[in-house]
Protein backbone atom coordinates (compact mmCIF):
# COMPACT_ATOMS: atom_id res chain seq x y z
CA MET A 1 7.67 11.92 -32.62
CA ARG A 2 4.42 14.07 -30.89
CA LYS A 3 1.25 12.14 -31.01
CA HIS A 4 -2.16 13.66 -31.34
CA ILE A 5 -4.51 13.25 -28.46
CA LYS A 6 -7.19 15.85 -28.76
CA ASN A 7 -6.79 19.87 -29.20
CA ASN A 8 -3.56 20.79 -28.00
CA VAL A 9 -2.60 17.56 -26.50
CA PHE A 10 0.07 15.38 -27.41
CA TRP A 11 1.63 11.80 -26.56
CA VAL A 12 5.51 12.62 -26.18
CA GLY A 13 6.77 9.10 -24.45
CA LYS A 14 8.09 5.53 -25.19
CA ILE A 15 7.00 3.26 -27.23
CA ASP A 16 8.93 -0.06 -26.08
CA TRP A 17 8.65 -2.79 -28.22
CA GLU A 18 11.72 -4.76 -26.82
CA LEU A 19 10.62 -4.61 -23.14
CA ASN A 20 10.40 -8.17 -22.01
CA GLU A 21 10.03 -7.92 -17.80
CA PHE A 22 9.37 -5.18 -15.46
CA HIS A 23 9.62 -4.43 -11.76
CA GLY A 24 12.90 -5.55 -11.93
CA SER A 25 12.34 -9.03 -12.94
CA ASP A 26 8.80 -9.34 -10.92
CA TYR A 27 6.78 -8.98 -14.16
CA SER A 28 6.86 -10.79 -17.55
CA ILE A 29 6.13 -8.52 -20.84
CA ASN A 30 4.96 -10.78 -23.48
CA ASN A 31 3.88 -7.45 -25.59
CA GLY A 32 5.61 -4.72 -25.61
CA SER A 33 5.13 -1.73 -23.59
CA SER A 34 4.83 1.64 -23.23
CA GLN A 35 6.44 5.04 -20.91
CA ASN A 36 3.83 7.20 -21.97
CA ALA A 37 4.21 11.26 -20.84
CA TYR A 38 1.90 14.07 -22.55
CA LEU A 39 2.35 17.64 -23.44
CA ILE A 40 0.14 20.47 -23.22
CA GLU A 41 -0.21 23.53 -25.27
CA GLU A 42 -2.41 26.06 -23.65
CA GLU A 43 -1.75 29.50 -22.74
CA LYS A 44 0.23 27.37 -20.45
CA THR A 45 2.75 24.44 -21.67
CA VAL A 46 2.49 21.43 -19.19
CA LEU A 47 4.87 18.54 -18.97
CA ILE A 48 2.69 15.64 -17.43
CA ASP A 49 5.46 12.71 -16.82
CA THR A 50 8.33 11.41 -18.43
CA VAL A 51 10.09 8.28 -19.00
CA TRP A 52 12.81 5.49 -18.09
CA LYS A 53 16.05 6.63 -17.60
CA PRO A 54 17.35 4.36 -20.50
CA HIS A 55 15.31 6.65 -22.74
CA SER A 56 15.96 10.19 -21.10
CA SER A 57 18.02 11.28 -23.94
CA GLU A 58 16.02 10.18 -27.16
CA PHE A 59 12.82 11.33 -24.90
CA ILE A 60 14.57 14.58 -24.03
CA ASP A 61 16.14 14.90 -28.21
CA ASN A 62 13.08 14.56 -29.54
CA LEU A 63 10.87 16.80 -27.16
CA GLU A 64 13.80 19.56 -27.29
CA ALA A 65 13.10 18.97 -31.42
CA GLU A 66 8.96 19.40 -30.38
CA ILE A 67 9.29 22.66 -28.70
CA ASP A 68 11.85 25.09 -27.01
CA LEU A 69 12.15 23.31 -23.21
CA ASN A 70 12.57 27.06 -21.41
CA LYS A 71 8.94 27.60 -22.63
CA ILE A 72 7.68 24.81 -20.63
CA ASP A 73 5.76 25.83 -17.60
CA PHE A 74 5.39 23.21 -15.43
CA ILE A 75 6.16 19.63 -15.05
CA VAL A 76 3.12 17.50 -13.56
CA CYS A 77 4.27 14.54 -12.07
CA ASN A 78 1.74 12.02 -11.12
CA HIS A 79 3.76 9.46 -10.00
CA GLY A 80 8.12 9.45 -8.86
CA GLU A 81 8.08 5.67 -10.14
CA VAL A 82 11.73 5.37 -12.11
CA ASP A 83 9.47 4.28 -15.05
CA HIS A 84 7.72 7.73 -14.70
CA SER A 85 10.55 9.90 -13.37
CA GLY A 86 13.87 9.15 -14.68
CA SER A 87 14.34 11.60 -17.21
CA LEU A 88 13.66 13.76 -14.77
CA PRO A 89 16.87 14.67 -13.27
CA ALA A 90 18.34 15.19 -17.47
CA LEU A 91 15.70 17.09 -18.32
CA MET A 92 16.05 19.34 -14.89
CA GLU A 93 19.80 20.19 -16.01
CA LYS A 94 18.06 21.97 -18.78
CA ILE A 95 15.37 23.98 -16.71
CA PRO A 96 16.44 23.78 -13.51
CA ASN A 97 13.96 25.96 -11.95
CA THR A 98 10.55 24.61 -13.75
CA PRO A 99 8.25 24.10 -11.16
CA ILE A 100 7.51 20.48 -10.17
CA TYR A 101 3.59 19.94 -9.64
CA CYS A 102 3.02 16.31 -7.48
CA THR A 103 1.85 15.01 -3.88
CA GLU A 104 3.93 15.58 -0.56
CA ASN A 105 4.80 11.92 -0.66
CA ALA A 106 6.14 12.43 -4.26
CA VAL A 107 8.73 15.05 -3.55
CA LYS A 108 9.38 12.35 -0.52
CA SER A 109 10.19 10.20 -3.11
CA LEU A 110 11.97 12.42 -6.00
CA VAL A 111 14.58 13.92 -3.30
CA GLY A 112 15.15 10.53 -2.31
CA GLN A 113 16.09 8.80 -5.36
CA TYR A 114 17.84 11.91 -6.93
CA HIS A 115 18.76 14.63 -4.48
CA HIS A 116 17.42 17.74 -5.38
CA PRO A 117 15.70 18.79 -2.94
CA GLU A 118 15.94 22.42 -4.32
CA TRP A 119 14.29 21.75 -7.41
CA ASN A 120 10.71 23.79 -6.99
CA PHE A 121 8.48 21.97 -5.55
CA ASN A 122 4.70 21.97 -5.78
CA VAL A 123 2.89 20.37 -2.92
CA VAL A 124 -0.82 19.49 -4.13
CA LYS A 125 -3.62 17.36 -2.94
CA THR A 126 -7.64 16.18 -4.25
CA GLY A 127 -9.06 19.06 -5.68
CA ASP A 128 -6.16 21.41 -5.95
CA SER A 129 -6.15 22.62 -9.89
CA VAL A 130 -4.10 24.56 -11.74
CA ASP A 131 -4.88 27.33 -14.35
CA ILE A 132 -3.32 26.60 -17.68
CA GLY A 133 -5.09 29.00 -20.09
CA ASN A 134 -7.72 28.94 -22.36
CA GLY A 135 -11.34 28.17 -20.18
CA LYS A 136 -8.69 24.95 -19.08
CA SER A 137 -7.73 23.91 -15.86
CA LEU A 138 -5.65 20.83 -14.20
CA VAL A 139 -7.43 19.21 -11.33
CA PHE A 140 -5.34 16.84 -9.31
CA VAL A 141 -6.50 13.39 -7.44
CA GLU A 142 -4.69 11.70 -4.96
CA MET A 143 -4.54 8.03 -5.69
CA ARG A 144 -2.21 6.70 -2.72
CA MET A 145 -1.56 3.29 -2.98
CA LEU A 146 -2.51 2.91 -6.79
CA HIS A 147 0.15 1.50 -6.50
CA TRP A 148 2.56 3.86 -4.62
CA PRO A 149 1.85 6.36 -1.50
CA ASP A 150 2.59 9.13 -4.18
CA SER A 151 0.78 7.84 -6.76
CA MET A 152 -2.05 10.54 -7.80
CA ALA A 153 -3.87 11.46 -11.70
CA THR A 154 -4.75 14.92 -13.43
CA TYR A 155 -8.07 15.99 -14.69
CA MET A 156 -7.67 18.43 -17.58
CA THR A 157 -11.31 20.36 -17.97
CA GLY A 158 -12.45 21.39 -21.51
CA ASP A 159 -11.08 18.26 -22.82
CA ASN A 160 -12.14 16.56 -20.24
CA ILE A 161 -8.76 13.98 -20.21
CA LEU A 162 -7.99 11.90 -17.37
CA PHE A 163 -4.53 11.50 -16.70
CA SER A 164 -4.71 8.05 -14.95
CA ASN A 165 -1.08 7.29 -14.33
CA ASP A 166 -0.58 4.11 -13.41
CA ALA A 167 -4.43 2.94 -13.10
CA PHE A 168 -6.55 1.72 -15.88
CA GLY A 169 -3.03 0.74 -18.01
CA GLN A 170 -1.79 -2.15 -19.77
CA HIS A 171 2.33 -3.87 -20.23
CA TYR A 172 1.66 -3.78 -23.71
CA ALA A 173 2.94 -1.88 -27.10
CA VAL A 174 0.37 -0.40 -29.57
CA GLU A 175 1.95 1.78 -32.08
CA GLU A 176 -0.98 3.77 -32.83
CA LEU A 177 -1.41 4.64 -29.29
CA TRP A 178 -5.20 3.90 -28.95
CA ALA A 179 -7.30 1.32 -27.20
CA ASP A 180 -9.96 0.54 -29.72
CA LYS A 181 -7.29 -0.23 -32.47
CA ALA A 182 -5.63 -2.79 -30.33
CA ASP A 183 -5.88 -6.30 -30.93
CA GLN A 184 -9.07 -6.95 -28.00
CA CYS A 185 -8.46 -10.05 -26.72
CA ARG A 186 -4.80 -9.18 -26.06
CA LEU A 187 -5.55 -6.21 -24.88
CA TRP A 188 -7.65 -7.33 -22.47
CA ALA A 189 -5.55 -9.96 -21.18
CA GLU A 190 -3.14 -7.57 -20.51
CA ALA A 191 -5.23 -5.57 -18.89
CA MET A 192 -6.02 -8.00 -16.25
CA LYS A 193 -2.83 -9.31 -15.93
CA TYR A 194 -1.45 -6.05 -14.78
CA TYR A 195 -4.57 -5.29 -12.53
CA ALA A 196 -4.02 -9.03 -11.09
CA ASN A 197 -0.50 -8.88 -10.59
CA ILE A 198 0.41 -5.19 -9.40
CA LEU A 199 -3.21 -3.73 -8.28
CA ASN A 200 -5.30 -6.42 -6.96
CA PRO A 201 -3.49 -6.04 -3.20
CA TYR A 202 -5.14 -2.41 -3.31
CA SER A 203 -9.00 -3.96 -4.21
CA PRO A 204 -10.21 -2.22 -1.68
CA LEU A 205 -8.56 1.26 -1.95
CA VAL A 206 -9.50 0.77 -5.77
CA LYS A 207 -13.27 0.25 -5.13
CA ALA A 208 -13.40 3.08 -2.91
CA LYS A 209 -11.56 5.73 -5.40
CA ILE A 210 -13.52 4.79 -7.82
CA GLU A 211 -16.49 5.28 -5.91
CA GLU A 212 -14.60 8.58 -4.92
CA ILE A 213 -14.30 9.73 -8.34
CA GLN A 214 -17.76 8.81 -9.57
CA LYS A 215 -18.99 11.17 -7.02
CA LEU A 216 -17.19 13.98 -8.01
CA ASN A 217 -19.63 13.56 -11.84
CA LEU A 218 -16.25 14.35 -14.29
CA PRO A 219 -17.14 13.65 -17.98
CA ILE A 220 -14.05 11.76 -18.89
CA ASP A 221 -13.92 11.32 -22.70
CA ILE A 222 -10.28 10.29 -23.21
CA ILE A 223 -8.40 8.83 -20.03
CA ALA A 224 -4.25 8.68 -21.01
CA THR A 225 -2.62 5.74 -18.71
CA SER A 226 1.14 5.54 -18.27
CA HIS A 227 1.64 2.47 -19.83
CA GLY A 228 -0.09 0.79 -22.94
CA ALA A 229 -3.13 1.65 -25.32
CA ILE A 230 -4.87 5.18 -24.22
CA TRP A 231 -8.82 4.90 -23.99
CA ARG A 232 -11.07 6.96 -26.01
CA GLU A 233 -13.92 4.61 -27.01
CA ASN A 234 -15.94 4.50 -23.85
CA PRO A 235 -13.57 5.20 -21.94
CA MET A 236 -15.97 4.23 -18.79
CA GLN A 237 -15.45 0.68 -19.84
CA ILE A 238 -12.48 0.18 -18.13
CA VAL A 239 -13.11 1.88 -14.88
CA GLU A 240 -16.64 -0.63 -14.65
CA LYS A 241 -13.83 -3.09 -14.79
CA TYR A 242 -11.63 -2.07 -12.56
CA TYR A 243 -14.89 -1.98 -10.42
CA GLU A 244 -15.80 -5.34 -11.10
CA TRP A 245 -12.30 -6.58 -10.74
CA SER A 246 -11.79 -5.01 -7.14
CA GLN A 247 -14.91 -7.48 -5.62
CA ALA A 248 -12.70 -10.56 -5.28
CA TYR A 249 -13.19 -11.55 -8.93
CA GLN A 250 -13.86 -14.89 -10.14
CA GLU A 251 -14.80 -16.85 -12.97
CA ASP A 252 -16.60 -20.33 -12.97
CA GLN A 253 -12.68 -21.70 -13.08
CA ILE A 254 -10.19 -23.42 -11.75
CA THR A 255 -6.84 -23.45 -11.60
CA VAL A 256 -4.38 -26.71 -10.53
CA VAL A 257 -0.55 -25.43 -10.13
CA TYR A 258 2.21 -27.84 -9.02
CA ASP A 259 6.07 -28.42 -9.49
CA THR A 260 6.90 -31.96 -9.10
CA MET A 261 10.14 -34.31 -9.09
CA TRP A 262 9.99 -37.66 -10.36
CA ASP A 263 6.34 -36.65 -12.44
CA GLY A 264 4.67 -38.62 -9.55
CA THR A 265 2.82 -34.31 -8.70
CA LYS A 266 2.35 -33.92 -11.98
CA LYS A 267 0.04 -37.94 -12.19
CA LEU A 268 -1.66 -36.50 -9.50
CA ALA A 269 -2.22 -33.04 -10.73
CA HIS A 270 -3.53 -34.19 -14.23
CA LYS A 271 -5.64 -36.87 -12.81
CA ILE A 272 -7.27 -33.78 -10.62
CA ALA A 273 -8.44 -31.93 -13.51
CA GLU A 274 -9.36 -34.65 -15.40
CA GLU A 275 -11.88 -35.77 -12.20
CA ILE A 276 -12.80 -31.52 -11.56
CA SER A 277 -13.36 -32.06 -15.63
CA LYS A 278 -15.94 -35.31 -15.02
CA GLN A 279 -17.51 -33.79 -11.97
CA ALA A 280 -17.96 -29.96 -13.36
CA PRO A 281 -17.56 -30.15 -17.05
CA ASP A 282 -19.00 -26.53 -17.59
CA THR A 283 -16.30 -25.17 -14.93
CA ARG A 284 -12.62 -24.30 -17.51
CA VAL A 285 -9.86 -26.03 -15.31
CA LYS A 286 -6.22 -25.10 -16.16
CA ILE A 287 -2.35 -26.85 -15.01
CA TYR A 288 0.10 -24.98 -14.87
CA ASN A 289 3.41 -26.03 -14.09
CA ILE A 290 5.63 -23.54 -11.71
CA SER A 291 9.10 -24.34 -13.10
CA LYS A 292 7.89 -24.07 -16.71
CA THR A 293 4.98 -20.95 -16.81
CA ASN A 294 5.95 -17.43 -16.13
CA LYS A 295 4.53 -17.35 -12.21
CA ASN A 296 2.26 -13.50 -13.77
CA ASP A 297 0.48 -15.30 -16.84
CA ILE A 298 -0.51 -18.08 -13.67
CA MET A 299 -1.41 -15.34 -11.28
CA THR A 300 -4.03 -14.18 -14.08
CA GLU A 301 -5.33 -17.65 -14.03
CA VAL A 302 -5.54 -17.41 -10.28
CA PHE A 303 -7.27 -14.22 -10.20
CA LYS A 304 -9.94 -15.80 -12.44
CA SER A 305 -10.61 -18.76 -10.37
CA LYS A 306 -13.27 -19.64 -7.75
CA ALA A 307 -10.73 -22.33 -6.64
CA ILE A 308 -7.16 -23.30 -7.12
CA ALA A 309 -5.45 -26.36 -6.15
CA VAL A 310 -1.68 -26.38 -5.43
CA GLY A 311 0.86 -29.22 -5.37
CA SER A 312 4.04 -29.85 -4.36
CA PRO A 313 6.05 -33.01 -3.49
CA THR A 314 7.99 -32.56 0.21
CA THR A 315 11.59 -32.31 0.69
CA GLY A 316 13.30 -31.05 3.78
CA ASN A 317 10.43 -31.32 5.76
CA SER A 318 8.90 -28.41 3.38
CA VAL A 319 7.63 -27.75 -0.24
CA LEU A 320 10.17 -27.90 -3.67
CA SER A 321 11.40 -24.47 -3.14
CA SER A 322 10.09 -23.16 -6.45
CA VAL A 323 6.51 -23.86 -4.95
CA ALA A 324 6.95 -22.04 -1.75
CA GLY A 325 8.54 -18.80 -4.00
CA TRP A 326 5.17 -18.75 -5.77
CA LEU A 327 3.52 -19.09 -2.79
CA ASP A 328 4.82 -16.24 -1.00
CA PHE A 329 4.04 -13.91 -4.58
CA LEU A 330 0.62 -15.82 -4.12
CA ARG A 331 -0.05 -13.95 -0.28
CA GLU A 332 1.68 -10.84 -1.83
CA LEU A 333 -1.28 -10.33 -4.21
CA LYS A 334 -4.38 -10.97 -1.37
CA PHE A 335 -6.58 -12.74 -3.30
CA LYS A 336 -10.02 -13.47 -1.96
CA THR A 337 -12.58 -15.91 -2.42
CA LYS A 338 -10.00 -18.50 -3.93
CA ARG A 339 -10.91 -22.08 -1.87
CA PRO A 340 -7.89 -23.72 -1.47
CA LEU A 341 -6.97 -27.50 -2.41
CA TYR A 342 -4.01 -29.01 -1.49
CA LEU A 343 -1.84 -32.00 -3.23
CA VAL A 344 0.69 -32.61 -1.02
CA PRO A 345 1.63 -34.72 1.71
CA MET A 346 0.57 -33.89 4.91
CA VAL A 347 4.85 -32.91 6.08
CA GLY A 348 3.70 -30.13 4.00
CA LEU A 349 0.44 -29.00 4.50
CA ALA A 350 1.10 -26.08 7.59
CA ASN A 351 3.73 -24.70 5.20
CA LEU A 352 0.86 -24.65 2.69
CA ARG A 353 -1.89 -23.50 4.63
CA ARG A 354 -0.40 -19.96 6.05
CA TYR A 355 -0.54 -18.73 1.86
CA PHE A 356 -4.05 -18.34 1.60
CA VAL A 357 -5.95 -15.13 2.44
CA LYS A 358 -9.66 -16.28 3.53
CA ASN A 359 -12.46 -13.46 2.57
């Protein structure tokens, strides 16, 4: 069940090929995903994160087949969200006194979700470390709002592994685990989709956190994410991409987004796209019907765009509910420098304008 990462570090997570949605139904998954947990067996035995509750029995059975659970010296909980901590209650029933290392906010999250204030919490903050033997330590780095208040990363000295939690991951199932073994086009598409739909609202924090980590001057040989592929060949390539994406990223692309009643707005959208191509032949133009294309996939294209056109017929003195809902999601993601063009009668224009974030 375990898969070797480096020296005495092993992957003990769950690859979920059938997962097709996440965060409830708010995020679409097209190529499976994984919940990555890690086992470190130095002089001390450490478990980093668990997996989602539906897989808890499988996770614990597999873990028991690998080690005596009572030999786990402590657990690191990088983030309290259920896809990382869901198996923790079942595991703690078996080893109830095991220390849990996490941030102060993670204690609040875990107690609030699972109602076990008696667990042996050990609160850590950026720069704190714990010796795991054989000349190696775990160093903790808080990652607040990337993307929850309780998030942190854990760095393992000696082996130079950054257990990055939700940063630098993707929802993408890769049986071999490694990013260099994955289909590269799909890998980078999923990495961008993940950033655009989950982390983009926190881009200023992403930029600042990357600069903070760079100042620590830590050698990083592997970035062990909590979802998707693990980076080992030039692992800093994904960090460099995050830094680029965090700064109002855009390509030479315009995306046209609409919904329609009787095809009038559809015809207008296609005419607009046709004219853009004539006026700017080097600019990539994409068109999406909000009701027929997944919102997360559209938002990834919006993320890449320097401008977007949004269209809706007027109904009830406003826009279609499908467009209104999509626009609310657009506002939530806080994209910068996306110049808007409105394909909508004036009666609904005020309802559209408030959704765009200006730089």
